PDB file of N, CA and C in Angstrom:
ATOM      1  N   VAL A   1      90.354  38.674 113.163  1.00  0.00           N
ATOM      2  CA  VAL A   1      90.998  39.707 113.705  1.00  0.00           C
ATOM      3  C   VAL A   1      92.659  39.645 113.184  1.00  0.00           C
ATOM      4  N   HIS A   2      92.855  40.944 113.140  1.00  0.00           N
ATOM      5  CA  HIS A   2      94.426  40.990 112.887  1.00  0.00           C
ATOM      6  C   HIS A   2      95.011  41.896 113.960  1.00  0.00           C
ATOM      7  N   SER A   3      96.684  42.261 113.931  1.00  0.00           N
ATOM      8  CA  SER A   3      97.351  43.118 114.813  1.00  0.00           C
ATOM      9  C   SER A   3      97.277  44.277 113.847  1.00  0.00           C
ATOM     10  N   PRO A   4      97.321  45.780 114.381  1.00  0.00           N
ATOM     11  CA  PRO A   4      97.527  46.688 113.879  1.00  0.00           C
ATOM     12  C   PRO A   4      98.695  46.892 113.031  1.00  0.00           C
ATOM     13  N   GLN A   5      98.599  47.247 111.697  1.00  0.00           N
ATOM     14  CA  GLN A   5      99.906  47.180 110.933  1.00  0.00           C
ATOM     15  C   GLN A   5      99.866  48.647 110.088  1.00  0.00           C
ATOM     16  N   LEU A   6     101.038  49.370 109.732  1.00  0.00           N
ATOM     17  CA  LEU A   6     101.653  50.181 108.989  1.00  0.00           C
ATOM     18  C   LEU A   6     100.870  50.336 107.780  1.00  0.00           C
ATOM     19  N   ALA A   7     100.155  51.186 107.352  1.00  0.00           N
ATOM     20  CA  ALA A   7      99.625  51.195 105.882  1.00  0.00           C
ATOM     21  C   ALA A   7     100.178  52.144 104.825  1.00  0.00           C
ATOM     22  N   GLY A   8     100.590  53.216 106.041  1.00  0.00           N
ATOM     23  CA  GLY A   8     101.533  54.326 105.060  1.00  0.00           C
ATOM     24  C   GLY A   8     101.929  55.510 106.062  1.00  0.00           C
ATOM     25  N   TRP A   9     102.328  56.659 105.626  1.00  0.00           N
ATOM     26  CA  TRP A   9     102.589  57.830 106.148  1.00  0.00           C
ATOM     27  C   TRP A   9     102.989  58.779 105.228  1.00  0.00           C
ATOM     28  N   ARG A  10     102.452  60.121 105.772  1.00  0.00           N
ATOM     29  CA  ARG A  10     102.992  61.314 105.090  1.00  0.00           C
ATOM     30  C   ARG A  10     103.457  62.601 105.787  1.00  0.00           C
ATOM     31  N   LEU A  11     103.953  63.427 104.920  1.00  0.00           N
ATOM     32  CA  LEU A  11     104.243  64.735 106.313  1.00  0.00           C
ATOM     33  C   LEU A  11     102.900  65.980 105.730  1.00  0.00           C
ATOM     34  N   HIS A  12     102.703  66.594 106.968  1.00  0.00           N
ATOM     35  CA  HIS A  12     101.775  67.411 106.705  1.00  0.00           C
ATOM     36  C   HIS A  12     102.226  68.474 108.183  1.00  0.00           C
ATOM     37  N   ASP A  13     102.227  69.847 107.460  1.00  0.00           N
ATOM     38  CA  ASP A  13     102.532  70.819 108.645  1.00  0.00           C
ATOM     39  C   ASP A  13     103.691  70.548 109.354  1.00  0.00           C
ATOM     40  N   GLY A  14     104.976  69.804 109.041  1.00  0.00           N
ATOM     41  CA  GLY A  14     105.922  69.853 110.117  1.00  0.00           C
ATOM     42  C   GLY A  14     105.652  68.573 110.891  1.00  0.00           C
ATOM     43  N   LYS A  15     104.353  67.537 110.430  1.00  0.00           N
ATOM     44  CA  LYS A  15     104.457  66.724 111.647  1.00  0.00           C
ATOM     45  C   LYS A  15     104.102  65.566 110.544  1.00  0.00           C
ATOM     46  N   ILE A  16     104.691  64.528 111.069  1.00  0.00           N
ATOM     47  CA  ILE A  16     104.573  62.909 110.147  1.00  0.00           C
ATOM     48  C   ILE A  16     103.146  62.177 110.872  1.00  0.00           C
ATOM     49  N   ARG A  17     102.371  62.034 109.895  1.00  0.00           N
ATOM     50  CA  ARG A  17     101.305  61.389 110.063  1.00  0.00           C
ATOM     51  C   ARG A  17     100.954  59.819 109.496  1.00  0.00           C
ATOM     52  N   LEU A  18     101.105  58.828 110.500  1.00  0.00           N
ATOM     53  CA  LEU A  18     101.086  57.688 110.268  1.00  0.00           C
ATOM     54  C   LEU A  18      99.525  57.251 110.249  1.00  0.00           C
ATOM     55  N   ARG A  19      99.500  55.988 109.143  1.00  0.00           N
ATOM     56  CA  ARG A  19      98.153  55.537 109.311  1.00  0.00           C
ATOM     57  C   ARG A  19      98.355  54.028 109.283  1.00  0.00           C
ATOM     58  N   PHE A  20      97.151  53.169 109.591  1.00  0.00           N
ATOM     59  CA  PHE A  20      97.346  51.716 109.936  1.00  0.00           C
ATOM     60  C   PHE A  20      96.108  50.742 109.219  1.00  0.00           C
ATOM     61  N   ASP A  21      96.063  49.921 109.391  1.00  0.00           N
ATOM     62  CA  ASP A  21      95.217  48.722 109.109  1.00  0.00           C
ATOM     63  C   ASP A  21      95.168  48.176 110.140  1.00  0.00           C
ATOM     64  N   PHE A  22      93.638  47.911 110.282  1.00  0.00           N
ATOM     65  CA  PHE A  22      92.965  46.744 111.477  1.00  0.00           C
ATOM     66  C   PHE A  22      93.402  48.055 112.939  1.00  0.00           C
ATOM     67  N   ALA A  23      93.339  49.058 112.816  1.00  0.00           N
ATOM     68  CA  ALA A  23      93.542  50.073 113.753  1.00  0.00           C
ATOM     69  C   ALA A  23      92.367  50.433 114.655  1.00  0.00           C
ATOM     70  N   ASP A  24      91.496  49.630 114.381  1.00  0.00           N
ATOM     71  CA  ASP A  24      89.721  50.224 114.998  1.00  0.00           C
ATOM     72  C   ASP A  24      90.133  50.197 116.447  1.00  0.00           C
ATOM     73  N   GLY A  25      89.891  51.159 117.067  1.00  0.00           N
ATOM     74  CA  GLY A  25      90.287  51.796 118.573  1.00  0.00           C
ATOM     75  C   GLY A  25      91.432  51.701 118.931  1.00  0.00           C
ATOM     76  N   LEU A  26      92.595  51.984 118.143  1.00  0.00           N
ATOM     77  CA  LEU A  26      93.976  52.175 118.500  1.00  0.00           C
ATOM     78  C   LEU A  26      93.729  52.873 120.268  1.00  0.00           C
ATOM     79  N   TRP A  27      94.653  52.612 120.943  1.00  0.00           N
ATOM     80  CA  TRP A  27      94.428  52.894 122.318  1.00  0.00           C
ATOM     81  C   TRP A  27      96.391  52.706 122.673  1.00  0.00           C
ATOM     82  N   VAL A  28      96.342  53.609 123.676  1.00  0.00           N
ATOM     83  CA  VAL A  28      97.848  53.179 124.528  1.00  0.00           C
ATOM     84  C   VAL A  28      97.543  52.496 125.721  1.00  0.00           C
ATOM     85  N   ARG A  29      98.395  51.232 125.634  1.00  0.00           N
ATOM     86  CA  ARG A  29      98.237  50.220 126.667  1.00  0.00           C
ATOM     87  C   ARG A  29      98.720  50.627 127.946  1.00  0.00           C
ATOM     88  N   GLY A  30      97.848  50.495 129.017  1.00  0.00           N
ATOM     89  CA  GLY A  30      97.842  50.883 130.125  1.00  0.00           C
ATOM     90  C   GLY A  30      97.664  52.291 130.606  1.00  0.00           C
ATOM     91  N   GLY A  31      97.409  52.858 129.622  1.00  0.00           N
ATOM     92  CA  GLY A  31      97.071  54.322 129.407  1.00  0.00           C
ATOM     93  C   GLY A  31      98.217  55.419 129.611  1.00  0.00           C
ATOM     94  N   GLY A  32      99.187  55.046 128.985  1.00  0.00           N
ATOM     95  CA  GLY A  32     100.480  55.666 129.568  1.00  0.00           C
ATOM     96  C   GLY A  32     100.672  56.769 128.190  1.00  0.00           C
ATOM     97  N   GLU A  33     101.567  56.937 127.764  1.00  0.00           N
ATOM     98  CA  GLU A  33     101.821  57.962 126.778  1.00  0.00           C
ATOM     99  C   GLU A  33     102.108  56.842 125.640  1.00  0.00           C
ATOM    100  N   VAL A  34     101.978  57.301 123.989  1.00  0.00           N
ATOM    101  CA  VAL A  34     102.389  56.808 123.260  1.00  0.00           C
ATOM    102  C   VAL A  34     104.147  56.646 122.863  1.00  0.00           C
ATOM    103  N   ALA A  35     104.665  55.740 122.721  1.00  0.00           N
ATOM    104  CA  ALA A  35     106.239  55.673 122.610  1.00  0.00           C
ATOM    105  C   ALA A  35     106.703  54.512 121.995  1.00  0.00           C
ATOM    106  N   GLY A  36     107.814  54.282 121.702  1.00  0.00           N
ATOM    107  CA  GLY A  36     108.473  53.443 120.594  1.00  0.00           C
ATOM    108  C   GLY A  36     108.647  53.961 119.155  1.00  0.00           C
ATOM    109  N   PHE A  37     108.589  55.231 118.853  1.00  0.00           N
ATOM    110  CA  PHE A  37     108.613  55.565 117.475  1.00  0.00           C
ATOM    111  C   PHE A  37     110.037  56.333 117.241  1.00  0.00           C
ATOM    112  N   ALA A  38     110.720  56.132 116.320  1.00  0.00           N
ATOM    113  CA  ALA A  38     111.960  56.658 115.936  1.00  0.00           C
ATOM    114  C   ALA A  38     111.860  57.357 114.831  1.00  0.00           C
ATOM    115  N   VAL A  39     113.052  58.242 114.229  1.00  0.00           N
ATOM    116  CA  VAL A  39     112.713  58.818 113.088  1.00  0.00           C
ATOM    117  C   VAL A  39     114.543  59.048 112.853  1.00  0.00           C
ATOM    118  N   ARG A  40     114.878  58.730 111.493  1.00  0.00           N
ATOM    119  CA  ARG A  40     116.115  58.777 111.466  1.00  0.00           C
ATOM    120  C   ARG A  40     116.212  59.945 110.199  1.00  0.00           C
ATOM    121  N   THR A  41     117.298  60.850 110.639  1.00  0.00           N
ATOM    122  CA  THR A  41     117.415  62.045 109.837  1.00  0.00           C
ATOM    123  C   THR A  41     118.830  61.649 108.782  1.00  0.00           C
ATOM    124  N   GLY A  42     119.622  62.675 108.603  1.00  0.00           N
ATOM    125  CA  GLY A  42     120.904  62.538 107.948  1.00  0.00           C
ATOM    126  C   GLY A  42     121.826  62.386 109.032  1.00  0.00           C
ATOM    127  N   THR A  43     121.536  62.729 110.420  1.00  0.00           N
ATOM    128  CA  THR A  43     122.533  62.707 111.056  1.00  0.00           C
ATOM    129  C   THR A  43     122.398  61.301 112.115  1.00  0.00           C
ATOM    130  N   GLY A  44     121.128  60.342 112.184  1.00  0.00           N
ATOM    131  CA  GLY A  44     121.210  59.367 113.083  1.00  0.00           C
ATOM    132  C   GLY A  44     119.477  59.390 113.302  1.00  0.00           C
ATOM    133  N   TRP A  45     119.216  58.519 114.191  1.00  0.00           N
ATOM    134  CA  TRP A  45     117.724  58.023 114.919  1.00  0.00           C
ATOM    135  C   TRP A  45     117.905  59.256 115.987  1.00  0.00           C
ATOM    136  N   THR A  46     116.840  59.256 116.080  1.00  0.00           N
ATOM    137  CA  THR A  46     116.398  60.149 117.076  1.00  0.00           C
ATOM    138  C   THR A  46     114.641  59.814 117.632  1.00  0.00           C
ATOM    139  N   TRP A  47     114.400  59.472 119.300  1.00  0.00           N
ATOM    140  CA  TRP A  47     113.053  59.285 119.413  1.00  0.00           C
ATOM    141  C   TRP A  47     112.159  60.468 119.138  1.00  0.00           C
ATOM    142  N   ALA A  48     110.969  60.245 118.725  1.00  0.00           N
ATOM    143  CA  ALA A  48     109.868  61.226 118.306  1.00  0.00           C
ATOM    144  C   ALA A  48     109.020  60.906 119.550  1.00  0.00           C
ATOM    145  N   ARG A  49     108.236  62.437 119.953  1.00  0.00           N
ATOM    146  CA  ARG A  49     107.109  62.371 120.471  1.00  0.00           C
ATOM    147  C   ARG A  49     105.581  62.252 119.682  1.00  0.00           C
ATOM    148  N   ALA A  50     104.828  61.211 120.174  1.00  0.00           N
ATOM    149  CA  ALA A  50     104.193  61.097 119.453  1.00  0.00           C
ATOM    150  C   ALA A  50     102.513  60.901 120.037  1.00  0.00           C
ATOM    151  N   ARG A  51     101.418  60.953 119.462  1.00  0.00           N
ATOM    152  CA  ARG A  51     100.469  61.206 119.923  1.00  0.00           C
ATOM    153  C   ARG A  51      99.091  60.561 119.098  1.00  0.00           C
ATOM    154  N   LEU A  52      98.034  60.009 119.802  1.00  0.00           N
ATOM    155  CA  LEU A  52      97.329  59.691 118.849  1.00  0.00           C
ATOM    156  C   LEU A  52      96.484  60.620 118.734  1.00  0.00           C
ATOM    157  N   GLU A  53      95.775  60.681 117.247  1.00  0.00           N
ATOM    158  CA  GLU A  53      94.461  61.329 116.647  1.00  0.00           C
ATOM    159  C   GLU A  53      93.702  60.724 116.090  1.00  0.00           C
ATOM    160  N   GLY A  54      92.431  59.771 116.854  1.00  0.00           N
ATOM    161  CA  GLY A  54      91.795  58.815 116.083  1.00  0.00           C
ATOM    162  C   GLY A  54      92.638  57.418 115.884  1.00  0.00           C
ATOM    163  N   ASP A  55      92.670  57.008 114.872  1.00  0.00           N
ATOM    164  CA  ASP A  55      93.159  55.750 114.529  1.00  0.00           C
ATOM    165  C   ASP A  55      94.721  56.383 113.677  1.00  0.00           C
ATOM    166  N   GLU A  56      95.228  57.471 114.001  1.00  0.00           N
ATOM    167  CA  GLU A  56      96.168  57.710 113.410  1.00  0.00           C
ATOM    168  C   GLU A  56      97.632  57.942 114.494  1.00  0.00           C
ATOM    169  N   VAL A  57      98.798  58.000 114.388  1.00  0.00           N
ATOM    170  CA  VAL A  57      99.664  58.490 115.179  1.00  0.00           C
ATOM    171  C   VAL A  57     100.225  59.781 114.239  1.00  0.00           C
ATOM    172  N   VAL A  58     100.471  60.411 115.162  1.00  0.00           N
ATOM    173  CA  VAL A  58     101.273  62.272 115.084  1.00  0.00           C
ATOM    174  C   VAL A  58     102.589  62.370 115.778  1.00  0.00           C
ATOM    175  N   LEU A  59     103.772  62.339 114.558  1.00  0.00           N
ATOM    176  CA  LEU A  59     104.987  62.374 115.239  1.00  0.00           C
ATOM    177  C   LEU A  59     105.230  63.773 115.261  1.00  0.00           C
ATOM    178  N   ASP A  60     105.797  64.622 116.170  1.00  0.00           N
ATOM    179  CA  ASP A  60     105.825  65.720 116.403  1.00  0.00           C
ATOM    180  C   ASP A  60     107.566  66.224 116.168  1.00  0.00           C
ATOM    181  N   ALA A  61     107.811  65.818 114.964  1.00  0.00           N
ATOM    182  CA  ALA A  61     109.364  65.606 114.820  1.00  0.00           C
ATOM    183  C   ALA A  61     109.862  66.943 113.689  1.00  0.00           C
ATOM    184  N   PRO A  62     109.566  68.244 113.827  1.00  0.00           N
ATOM    185  CA  PRO A  62     109.827  69.203 112.631  1.00  0.00           C
ATOM    186  C   PRO A  62     110.699  69.397 112.448  1.00  0.00           C
ATOM    187  N   ALA A  63     111.894  69.485 113.233  1.00  0.00           N
ATOM    188  CA  ALA A  63     113.446  69.240 113.250  1.00  0.00           C
ATOM    189  C   ALA A  63     114.130  68.462 112.437  1.00  0.00           C
ATOM    190  N   VAL A  64     113.512  67.418 112.161  1.00  0.00           N
ATOM    191  CA  VAL A  64     114.186  66.007 111.438  1.00  0.00           C
ATOM    192  C   VAL A  64     112.995  66.067 110.020  1.00  0.00           C
ATOM    193  N   CYS A  65     112.214  66.618 109.737  1.00  0.00           N
ATOM    194  CA  CYS A  65     111.768  66.674 108.629  1.00  0.00           C
ATOM    195  C   CYS A  65     112.463  67.417 107.130  1.00  0.00           C
ATOM    196  N   PRO A  66     112.625  66.396 106.164  1.00  0.00           N
ATOM    197  CA  PRO A  66     111.769  64.978 106.027  1.00  0.00           C
ATOM    198  C   PRO A  66     112.641  64.018 106.353  1.00  0.00           C
ATOM    199  N   PRO A  67     112.195  63.138 107.137  1.00  0.00           N
ATOM    200  CA  PRO A  67     112.834  62.083 107.554  1.00  0.00           C
ATOM    201  C   PRO A  67     113.422  61.190 106.826  1.00  0.00           C
ATOM    202  N   LEU A  68     114.329  60.575 106.684  1.00  0.00           N
ATOM    203  CA  LEU A  68     114.782  59.533 106.102  1.00  0.00           C
ATOM    204  C   LEU A  68     113.978  58.013 106.263  1.00  0.00           C
ATOM    205  N   SER A  69     113.601  57.719 107.379  1.00  0.00           N
ATOM    206  CA  SER A  69     113.167  56.718 107.388  1.00  0.00           C
ATOM    207  C   SER A  69     112.606  56.829 109.141  1.00  0.00           C
ATOM    208  N   LEU A  70     111.393  55.613 109.498  1.00  0.00           N
ATOM    209  CA  LEU A  70     110.592  55.501 110.370  1.00  0.00           C
ATOM    210  C   LEU A  70     110.750  53.878 110.982  1.00  0.00           C
ATOM    211  N   ARG A  71     111.017  54.039 112.433  1.00  0.00           N
ATOM    212  CA  ARG A  71     110.734  52.521 113.024  1.00  0.00           C
ATOM    213  C   ARG A  71     109.776  52.824 114.183  1.00  0.00           C
ATOM    214  N   TYR A  72     109.457  51.677 114.465  1.00  0.00           N
ATOM    215  CA  TYR A  72     108.393  51.314 115.828  1.00  0.00           C
ATOM    216  C   TYR A  72     108.532  49.720 116.418  1.00  0.00           C
ATOM    217  N   GLY A  73     108.935  50.034 117.589  1.00  0.00           N
ATOM    218  CA  GLY A  73     109.076  48.580 118.129  1.00  0.00           C
ATOM    219  C   GLY A  73     110.339  47.821 117.982  1.00  0.00           C
ATOM    220  N   TRP A  74     111.278  48.648 117.212  1.00  0.00           N
ATOM    221  CA  TRP A  74     112.481  47.974 116.453  1.00  0.00           C
ATOM    222  C   TRP A  74     113.737  48.568 117.210  1.00  0.00           C
ATOM    223  N   ALA A  75     114.026  47.596 118.302  1.00  0.00           N
ATOM    224  CA  ALA A  75     115.070  47.786 119.075  1.00  0.00           C
ATOM    225  C   ALA A  75     115.713  46.442 119.790  1.00  0.00           C
ATOM    226  N   GLU A  76     116.609  46.186 120.427  1.00  0.00           N
ATOM    227  CA  GLU A  76     116.800  45.195 120.913  1.00  0.00           C
ATOM    228  C   GLU A  76     115.792  44.681 122.377  1.00  0.00           C
ATOM    229  N   ASN A  77     115.408  46.124 123.054  1.00  0.00           N
ATOM    230  CA  ASN A  77     114.186  45.646 124.074  1.00  0.00           C
ATOM    231  C   ASN A  77     113.199  46.734 123.520  1.00  0.00           C
ATOM    232  N   PRO A  78     112.322  46.345 122.458  1.00  0.00           N
ATOM    233  CA  PRO A  78     111.509  47.400 122.209  1.00  0.00           C
ATOM    234  C   PRO A  78     110.306  47.847 123.240  1.00  0.00           C
ATOM    235  N   VAL A  79     109.849  48.909 122.811  1.00  0.00           N
ATOM    236  CA  VAL A  79     108.531  49.735 123.663  1.00  0.00           C
ATOM    237  C   VAL A  79     107.521  49.122 122.665  1.00  0.00           C
ATOM    238  N   ILE A  80     106.454  48.746 123.131  1.00  0.00           N
ATOM    239  CA  ILE A  80     105.548  48.445 122.195  1.00  0.00           C
ATOM    240  C   ILE A  80     104.309  48.917 123.247  1.00  0.00           C
ATOM    241  N   SER A  81     103.539  50.050 122.374  1.00  0.00           N
ATOM    242  CA  SER A  81     102.531  51.293 123.523  1.00  0.00           C
ATOM    243  C   SER A  81     101.446  51.152 122.875  1.00  0.00           C
ATOM    244  N   LEU A  82     101.207  50.498 121.850  1.00  0.00           N
ATOM    245  CA  LEU A  82     100.012  50.709 121.130  1.00  0.00           C
ATOM    246  C   LEU A  82      99.131  49.363 120.450  1.00  0.00           C
ATOM    247  N   GLU A  83      97.882  49.324 120.776  1.00  0.00           N
ATOM    248  CA  GLU A  83      97.068  48.282 120.532  1.00  0.00           C
ATOM    249  C   GLU A  83      95.727  48.441 120.076  1.00  0.00           C
ATOM    250  N   ASN A  84      94.870  47.768 119.548  1.00  0.00           N
ATOM    251  CA  ASN A  84      93.582  47.836 118.965  1.00  0.00           C
ATOM    252  C   ASN A  84      92.738  47.391 119.803  1.00  0.00           C
ATOM    253  N   ARG A  85      91.447  47.629 119.548  1.00  0.00           N
ATOM    254  CA  ARG A  85      90.076  47.411 120.523  1.00  0.00           C
ATOM    255  C   ARG A  85      90.159  45.769 121.003  1.00  0.00           C
ATOM    256  N   ALA A  86      90.602  45.034 120.264  1.00  0.00           N
ATOM    257  CA  ALA A  86      90.574  43.764 120.300  1.00  0.00           C
ATOM    258  C   ALA A  86      91.874  43.422 121.156  1.00  0.00           C
ATOM    259  N   GLY A  87      92.857  44.401 121.556  1.00  0.00           N
ATOM    260  CA  GLY A  87      94.060  43.760 122.596  1.00  0.00           C
ATOM    261  C   GLY A  87      95.070  43.333 121.701  1.00  0.00           C
ATOM    262  N   LEU A  88      95.259  43.673 120.395  1.00  0.00           N
ATOM    263  CA  LEU A  88      96.311  43.351 119.737  1.00  0.00           C
ATOM    264  C   LEU A  88      97.218  44.409 119.393  1.00  0.00           C
ATOM    265  N   PRO A  89      98.733  44.000 119.927  1.00  0.00           N
ATOM    266  CA  PRO A  89      99.539  44.927 120.037  1.00  0.00           C
ATOM    267  C   PRO A  89     100.001  45.880 118.369  1.00  0.00           C
ATOM    268  N   LEU A  90     100.228  46.780 118.188  1.00  0.00           N
ATOM    269  CA  LEU A  90     100.795  47.342 116.662  1.00  0.00           C
ATOM    270  C   LEU A  90     101.857  46.427 116.268  1.00  0.00           C
ATOM    271  N   ARG A  91     101.996  46.145 115.418  1.00  0.00           N
ATOM    272  CA  ARG A  91     103.248  45.409 114.877  1.00  0.00           C
ATOM    273  C   ARG A  91     104.196  46.580 114.689  1.00  0.00           C
ATOM    274  N   PRO A  92     105.515  45.660 115.204  1.00  0.00           N
ATOM    275  CA  PRO A  92     107.088  46.556 115.030  1.00  0.00           C
ATOM    276  C   PRO A  92     107.084  46.803 113.204  1.00  0.00           C
ATOM    277  N   PHE A  93     107.749  47.957 112.907  1.00  0.00           N
ATOM    278  CA  PHE A  93     107.950  48.304 111.486  1.00  0.00           C
ATOM    279  C   PHE A  93     108.733  49.252 111.292  1.00  0.00           C
ATOM    280  N   ARG A  94     109.470  48.987 110.031  1.00  0.00           N
ATOM    281  CA  ARG A  94     110.607  49.923 109.887  1.00  0.00           C
ATOM    282  C   ARG A  94     110.193  50.170 108.426  1.00  0.00           C
ATOM    283  N   THR A  95     110.638  51.320 108.090  1.00  0.00           N
ATOM    284  CA  THR A  95     110.371  52.085 106.230  1.00  0.00           C
ATOM    285  C   THR A  95     111.978  51.860 105.728  1.00  0.00           C
ATOM    286  N   ASP A  96     112.692  51.395 106.255  1.00  0.00           N
ATOM    287  CA  ASP A  96     113.706  51.274 105.806  1.00  0.00           C
ATOM    288  C   ASP A  96     114.438  50.214 105.630  1.00  0.00           C
ATOM    289  N   THR A  97     115.631  49.680 104.908  1.00  0.00           N
ATOM    290  CA  THR A  97     116.338  48.194 104.754  1.00  0.00           C
ATOM    291  C   THR A  97     118.050  48.533 105.113  1.00  0.00           C
ATOM    292  N   ASP A  98     118.100  49.492 105.713  1.00  0.00           N
ATOM    293  CA  ASP A  98     119.734  49.418 106.475  1.00  0.00           C
ATOM    294  C   ASP A  98     119.979  48.288 107.516  1.00  0.00           C
ATOM    295  N   PRO A  99     120.975  48.146 107.933  1.00  0.00           N
ATOM    296  CA  PRO A  99     120.916  47.354 108.542  1.00  0.00           C
ATOM    297  C   PRO A  99     120.764  48.101 110.392  1.00  0.00           C
ATOM    298  N   MET A 100     120.585  47.314 111.205  1.00  0.00           N
ATOM    299  CA  MET A 100     120.428  47.437 112.209  1.00  0.00           C
ATOM    300  C   MET A 100     121.479  48.544 112.922  1.00  0.00           C
ATOM    301  N   LEU A 101     120.988  49.896 113.122  1.00  0.00           N
ATOM    302  CA  LEU A 101     121.827  51.119 114.003  1.00  0.00           C
ATOM    303  C   LEU A 101     121.401  51.399 114.995  1.00  0.00           C
ATOM    304  N   PRO A 102     122.066  51.953 115.772  1.00  0.00           N
ATOM    305  CA  PRO A 102     121.960  52.236 117.270  1.00  0.00           C
ATOM    306  C   PRO A 102     120.729  53.448 117.438  1.00  0.00           C
ATOM    307  N   TYR A 103     120.098  53.217 118.153  1.00  0.00           N
ATOM    308  CA  TYR A 103     118.896  54.263 118.786  1.00  0.00           C
ATOM    309  C   TYR A 103     119.589  54.987 119.529  1.00  0.00           C
ATOM    310  N   PRO A 104     119.006  56.416 119.598  1.00  0.00           N
ATOM    311  CA  PRO A 104     119.781  57.201 120.646  1.00  0.00           C
ATOM    312  C   PRO A 104     119.404  56.583 122.286  1.00  0.00           C
ATOM    313  N   ALA A 105     120.045  56.826 123.307  1.00  0.00           N
ATOM    314  CA  ALA A 105     120.038  56.413 124.840  1.00  0.00           C
ATOM    315  C   ALA A 105     118.368  56.843 125.290  1.00  0.00           C
ATOM    316  N   ARG A 106     117.822  55.785 125.756  1.00  0.00           N
ATOM    317  CA  ARG A 106     116.488  56.352 126.696  1.00  0.00           C
ATOM    318  C   ARG A 106     116.510  57.525 127.455  1.00  0.00           C
ATOM    319  N   LYS A 107     115.736  58.223 127.285  1.00  0.00           N
ATOM    320  CA  LYS A 107     115.497  59.473 128.583  1.00  0.00           C
ATOM    321  C   LYS A 107     114.862  58.834 130.303  1.00  0.00           C
TER     322      LYS A 107
END
């Protein structure tokens, strides 16, 4: 049994679709909202609105497409909102190799 991990992402109709390995039964811990995803544009990072569609996560971020990079759970006090059916959390990830850059303030 493994924690879900990013397998890849693509742009589709102004949305960023993320797919994962080991994501069987992906759900939001505690029944809240999907959170913890940030998107980097040419001007910096912004938090993305996210939702589950099956075992994929869709980020509604048309204003930041195409994104330069994505991060999840990558902060000093990360928000880890997703886990698989086995109760294992989605592994934090980043698609960039930049040094740690500040995130926007939490709302």
